[in-house]
Amino acid sequence: MRLWLAAIGRAGSDPAVKLFDHYAGRLTWPLTLREIVVRGNLPLDRRISEEGRLLLAAIPKDSVVVALDETGKSLTSPAFAKRMGAWRDDGVKDLAFLIGGADGLAKEVKKLADFTLSLGFMTWPHLLVRVLLAEQLYRAQTILAGHPYHRGQKTR
């Protein structure tokens, strides 16, 4: 299973890049990051729509799409691992995670998403969302492999 992360914005030399690379580098599933930048000063609704169009264009056709959004479902780490395992076991070839811009995801992206995931009720800087997602992907991988990295409660 190949993992894709399409995210609005460029990380540049932000310190979060090292943390993202740390967890992404530990994954056995290949993870490709596609950073999307919308050029020009567009009106809000048009910018959000353009961001959505570019996010969807950045992932492989027929991907299972996971939108990261505050209105999504919050999962425990074991529940997230179980969902990842189900996608893997169902033969999903491409699993794409989409992170919108500061004003959220386009309606088209939310509509197309196979699953909408929330990382909690708090608002996080978008670069840290990348880190949190990469860590949870690594954690899911270790849970599925029975590795002791995850030591949280097993019965959630």
C-alpha atoms as a PDB file:
ATOM      1  CA  MET A   1       0.000   0.000   0.000  1.00  0.00           C
ATOM      2  CA  ARG A   2       1.357   3.394  -0.999  1.00  0.00           C
ATOM      3  CA  LEU A   3       0.599   6.423   1.174  1.00  0.00           C
ATOM      4  CA  TRP A   4       0.194   9.929  -0.189  1.00  0.00           C
ATOM      5  CA  LEU A   5      -0.030  13.176   1.714  1.00  0.00           C
ATOM      6  CA  ALA A   6      -1.188  16.217  -0.216  1.00  0.00           C
ATOM      7  CA  ALA A   7      -1.035  19.374   1.871  1.00  0.00           C
ATOM      8  CA  ILE A   8      -1.554  23.044   1.239  1.00  0.00           C
ATOM      9  CA  GLY A   9       1.599  25.078   1.918  1.00  0.00           C
ATOM     10  CA  ARG A  10       5.338  24.605   1.796  1.00  0.00           C
ATOM     11  CA  ALA A  11       7.285  23.636   4.885  1.00  0.00           C
ATOM     12  CA  GLY A  12      10.569  25.200   3.802  1.00  0.00           C
ATOM     13  CA  SER A  13      13.094  24.940   6.633  1.00  0.00           C
ATOM     14  CA  ASP A  14      10.524  24.795   9.447  1.00  0.00           C
ATOM     15  CA  PRO A  15      11.695  22.624  12.398  1.00  0.00           C
ATOM     16  CA  ALA A  16       8.596  20.427  11.899  1.00  0.00           C
ATOM     17  CA  VAL A  17      10.187  19.074   8.710  1.00  0.00           C
ATOM     18  CA  LYS A  18      12.740  17.078  10.722  1.00  0.00           C
ATOM     19  CA  LEU A  19      10.023  15.498  12.861  1.00  0.00           C
ATOM     20  CA  PHE A  20       7.907  14.655   9.815  1.00  0.00           C
ATOM     21  CA  ASP A  21      10.921  13.113   8.064  1.00  0.00           C
ATOM     22  CA  HIS A  22      11.778  11.140  11.217  1.00  0.00           C
ATOM     23  CA  TYR A  23       8.407   9.351  11.325  1.00  0.00           C
ATOM     24  CA  ALA A  24       7.909   9.150   7.562  1.00  0.00           C
ATOM     25  CA  GLY A  25      11.340   7.540   7.278  1.00  0.00           C
ATOM     26  CA  ARG A  26      10.370   4.811   9.747  1.00  0.00           C
ATOM     27  CA  LEU A  27       7.350   3.699   7.735  1.00  0.00           C
ATOM     28  CA  THR A  28       7.497   0.516   5.692  1.00  0.00           C
ATOM     29  CA  TRP A  29       4.614   1.828   3.594  1.00  0.00           C
ATOM     30  CA  PRO A  30       6.092   4.338   1.133  1.00  0.00           C
ATOM     31  CA  LEU A  31       4.863   7.865   1.888  1.00  0.00           C
ATOM     32  CA  THR A  32       4.977  10.620  -0.729  1.00  0.00           C
ATOM     33  CA  LEU A  33       4.428  14.229   0.331  1.00  0.00           C
ATOM     34  CA  ARG A  34       3.023  16.652  -2.218  1.00  0.00           C
ATOM     35  CA  GLU A  35       3.047  20.293  -1.132  1.00  0.00           C
ATOM     36  CA  ILE A  36       0.531  22.522  -2.874  1.00  0.00           C
ATOM     37  CA  VAL A  37       0.799  26.287  -3.198  1.00  0.00           C
ATOM     38  CA  VAL A  38      -1.939  28.427  -4.703  1.00  0.00           C
ATOM     39  CA  ARG A  39      -0.517  31.472  -6.443  1.00  0.00           C
ATOM     40  CA  GLY A  40      -2.232  34.821  -6.657  1.00  0.00           C
ATOM     41  CA  ASN A  41      -4.605  36.750  -4.462  1.00  0.00           C
ATOM     42  CA  LEU A  42      -7.920  34.977  -5.037  1.00  0.00           C
ATOM     43  CA  PRO A  43     -11.197  35.647  -3.229  1.00  0.00           C
ATOM     44  CA  LEU A  44     -11.711  33.225  -0.309  1.00  0.00           C
ATOM     45  CA  ASP A  45     -14.263  30.906  -1.931  1.00  0.00           C
ATOM     46  CA  ARG A  46     -12.282  30.714  -5.161  1.00  0.00           C
ATOM     47  CA  ARG A  47      -9.005  30.052  -3.282  1.00  0.00           C
ATOM     48  CA  ILE A  48     -10.557  27.208  -1.255  1.00  0.00           C
ATOM     49  CA  SER A  49     -11.981  25.707  -4.441  1.00  0.00           C
ATOM     50  CA  GLU A  50      -8.608  25.994  -6.220  1.00  0.00           C
ATOM     51  CA  GLU A  51      -6.831  24.413  -3.250  1.00  0.00           C
ATOM     52  CA  GLY A  52      -9.298  21.531  -3.409  1.00  0.00           C
ATOM     53  CA  ARG A  53      -8.792  21.070  -7.138  1.00  0.00           C
ATOM     54  CA  LEU A  54      -5.008  21.017  -6.723  1.00  0.00           C
ATOM     55  CA  LEU A  55      -5.144  18.614  -3.747  1.00  0.00           C
ATOM     56  CA  LEU A  56      -7.231  16.139  -5.733  1.00  0.00           C
ATOM     57  CA  ALA A  57      -4.966  16.512  -8.766  1.00  0.00           C
ATOM     58  CA  ALA A  58      -1.911  15.682  -6.608  1.00  0.00           C
ATOM     59  CA  ILE A  59      -3.015  12.158  -5.717  1.00  0.00           C
ATOM     60  CA  PRO A  60      -3.291   9.031  -7.849  1.00  0.00           C
ATOM     61  CA  LYS A  61      -6.578   8.272  -9.567  1.00  0.00           C
ATOM     62  CA  ASP A  62      -8.660   5.703  -7.658  1.00  0.00           C
ATOM     63  CA  SER A  63      -6.974   6.468  -4.319  1.00  0.00           C
ATOM     64  CA  VAL A  64      -8.869   5.887  -1.121  1.00  0.00           C
ATOM     65  CA  VAL A  65      -9.124   9.472   0.126  1.00  0.00           C
ATOM     66  CA  VAL A  66      -8.898  10.517   3.774  1.00  0.00           C
ATOM     67  CA  ALA A  67      -9.674  14.180   4.414  1.00  0.00           C
ATOM     68  CA  LEU A  68      -8.255  15.668   7.603  1.00  0.00           C
ATOM     69  CA  ASP A  69     -10.890  17.994   8.974  1.00  0.00           C
ATOM     70  CA  GLU A  70     -12.108  19.144  12.390  1.00  0.00           C
ATOM     71  CA  THR A  71     -15.579  17.762  11.595  1.00  0.00           C
ATOM     72  CA  GLY A  72     -14.202  14.275  10.974  1.00  0.00           C
ATOM     73  CA  LYS A  73     -14.151  11.220  13.177  1.00  0.00           C
ATOM     74  CA  SER A  74     -11.679  11.126  16.065  1.00  0.00           C
ATOM     75  CA  LEU A  75     -10.116   7.704  16.516  1.00  0.00           C
ATOM     76  CA  THR A  76      -7.929   6.162  19.174  1.00  0.00           C
ATOM     77  CA  SER A  77      -4.553   4.974  17.927  1.00  0.00           C
ATOM     78  CA  PRO A  78      -5.645   1.302  18.011  1.00  0.00           C
ATOM     79  CA  ALA A  79      -8.843   2.162  16.102  1.00  0.00           C
ATOM     80  CA  PHE A  80      -6.805   4.067  13.505  1.00  0.00           C
ATOM     81  CA  ALA A  81      -4.452   1.080  13.218  1.00  0.00           C
ATOM     82  CA  LYS A  82      -7.439  -1.221  12.727  1.00  0.00           C
ATOM     83  CA  ARG A  83      -8.753   1.006   9.922  1.00  0.00           C
ATOM     84  CA  MET A  84      -5.295   1.116   8.296  1.00  0.00           C
ATOM     85  CA  GLY A  85      -5.103  -2.672   8.562  1.00  0.00           C
ATOM     86  CA  ALA A  86      -8.523  -3.035   6.939  1.00  0.00           C
ATOM     87  CA  TRP A  87      -7.484  -0.843   3.997  1.00  0.00           C
ATOM     88  CA  ARG A  88      -4.262  -2.820   3.664  1.00  0.00           C
ATOM     89  CA  ASP A  89      -6.101  -6.158   3.873  1.00  0.00           C
ATOM     90  CA  ASP A  90      -8.731  -4.985   1.366  1.00  0.00           C
ATOM     91  CA  GLY A  91      -5.938  -4.489  -1.171  1.00  0.00           C
ATOM     92  CA  VAL A  92      -5.968  -0.686  -1.250  1.00  0.00           C
ATOM     93  CA  LYS A  93      -3.068   0.327  -3.487  1.00  0.00           C
ATOM     94  CA  ASP A  94      -3.080   4.081  -2.880  1.00  0.00           C
ATOM     95  CA  LEU A  95      -4.241   5.744   0.341  1.00  0.00           C
ATOM     96  CA  ALA A  96      -4.230   9.538   0.176  1.00  0.00           C
ATOM     97  CA  PHE A  97      -4.464  11.942   3.114  1.00  0.00           C
ATOM     98  CA  LEU A  98      -5.444  15.532   2.334  1.00  0.00           C
ATOM     99  CA  ILE A  99      -4.706  18.565   4.506  1.00  0.00           C
ATOM    100  CA  GLY A 100      -6.399  21.788   3.446  1.00  0.00           C
ATOM    101  CA  GLY A 101      -5.338  25.365   3.941  1.00  0.00           C
ATOM    102  CA  ALA A 102      -6.033  27.705   6.836  1.00  0.00           C
ATOM    103  CA  ASP A 103      -9.656  28.145   5.761  1.00  0.00           C
ATOM    104  CA  GLY A 104     -10.420  24.437   5.469  1.00  0.00           C
ATOM    105  CA  LEU A 105     -11.128  21.963   2.728  1.00  0.00           C
ATOM    106  CA  ALA A 106     -13.265  22.557  -0.334  1.00  0.00           C
ATOM    107  CA  LYS A 107     -16.733  21.007  -0.305  1.00  0.00           C
ATOM    108  CA  GLU A 108     -15.704  18.924  -3.323  1.00  0.00           C
ATOM    109  CA  VAL A 109     -12.862  17.339  -1.347  1.00  0.00           C
ATOM    110  CA  LYS A 110     -15.085  16.535   1.630  1.00  0.00           C
ATOM    111  CA  LYS A 111     -17.705  15.052  -0.687  1.00  0.00           C
ATOM    112  CA  LEU A 112     -15.182  12.864  -2.499  1.00  0.00           C
ATOM    113  CA  ALA A 113     -13.443  11.661   0.687  1.00  0.00           C
ATOM    114  CA  ASP A 114     -13.938   8.031   1.637  1.00  0.00           C
ATOM    115  CA  PHE A 115     -13.231   8.916   5.262  1.00  0.00           C
ATOM    116  CA  THR A 116     -12.893  12.175   7.189  1.00  0.00           C
ATOM    117  CA  LEU A 117     -10.443  12.105  10.081  1.00  0.00           C
ATOM    118  CA  SER A 118     -10.132  14.578  12.936  1.00  0.00           C
ATOM    119  CA  LEU A 119      -6.979  14.779  15.033  1.00  0.00           C
ATOM    120  CA  GLY A 120      -9.043  16.208  17.885  1.00  0.00           C
ATOM    121  CA  PHE A 121     -11.006  19.293  18.758  1.00  0.00           C
ATOM    122  CA  MET A 122      -7.996  21.597  19.053  1.00  0.00           C
ATOM    123  CA  THR A 123      -6.658  23.562  16.119  1.00  0.00           C
ATOM    124  CA  TRP A 124      -3.093  22.625  15.121  1.00  0.00           C
ATOM    125  CA  PRO A 125      -0.602  24.413  12.883  1.00  0.00           C
ATOM    126  CA  HIS A 126      -0.748  22.711   9.502  1.00  0.00           C
ATOM    127  CA  LEU A 127       2.916  21.699   9.601  1.00  0.00           C
ATOM    128  CA  LEU A 128       2.366  19.985  12.946  1.00  0.00           C
ATOM    129  CA  VAL A 129      -0.655  18.157  11.503  1.00  0.00           C
ATOM    130  CA  ARG A 130       1.756  16.555   9.043  1.00  0.00           C
ATOM    131  CA  VAL A 131       3.950  15.435  11.949  1.00  0.00           C
ATOM    132  CA  LEU A 132       0.995  14.140  13.972  1.00  0.00           C
ATOM    133  CA  LEU A 133      -0.288  12.183  10.989  1.00  0.00           C
ATOM    134  CA  ALA A 134       3.131  10.698  10.175  1.00  0.00           C
ATOM    135  CA  GLU A 135       3.578   9.632  13.811  1.00  0.00           C
ATOM    136  CA  GLN A 136       0.125   8.033  13.901  1.00  0.00           C
ATOM    137  CA  LEU A 137       0.840   6.203  10.641  1.00  0.00           C
ATOM    138  CA  TYR A 138       4.040   4.860  12.167  1.00  0.00           C
ATOM    139  CA  ARG A 139       2.198   3.988  15.376  1.00  0.00           C
ATOM    140  CA  ALA A 140      -0.495   2.164  13.370  1.00  0.00           C
ATOM    141  CA  GLN A 141       2.189   0.204  11.550  1.00  0.00           C
ATOM    142  CA  THR A 142       3.782  -0.863  14.834  1.00  0.00           C
ATOM    143  CA  ILE A 143       0.422  -1.783  16.387  1.00  0.00           C
ATOM    144  CA  LEU A 144      -0.410  -3.954  13.379  1.00  0.00           C
ATOM    145  CA  ALA A 145       3.024  -5.614  13.630  1.00  0.00           C
ATOM    146  CA  GLY A 146       2.688  -6.248  17.377  1.00  0.00           C
ATOM    147  CA  HIS A 147       5.708  -4.034  18.070  1.00  0.00           C
ATOM    148  CA  PRO A 148       5.958  -2.564  21.597  1.00  0.00           C
ATOM    149  CA  TYR A 149       6.219   1.074  20.400  1.00  0.00           C
ATOM    150  CA  HIS A 150       2.548   1.621  21.321  1.00  0.00           C
ATOM    151  CA  ARG A 151       2.017   1.028  25.004  1.00  0.00           C
ATOM    152  CA  GLY A 152      -1.440   2.596  25.373  1.00  0.00           C
ATOM    153  CA  GLN A 153      -4.439   0.700  26.608  1.00  0.00           C
ATOM    154  CA  LYS A 154      -5.247  -2.262  24.392  1.00  0.00           C
ATOM    155  CA  THR A 155      -8.974  -2.370  25.179  1.00  0.00           C
ATOM    156  CA  ARG A 156     -10.214   0.976  23.799  1.00  0.00           C
END
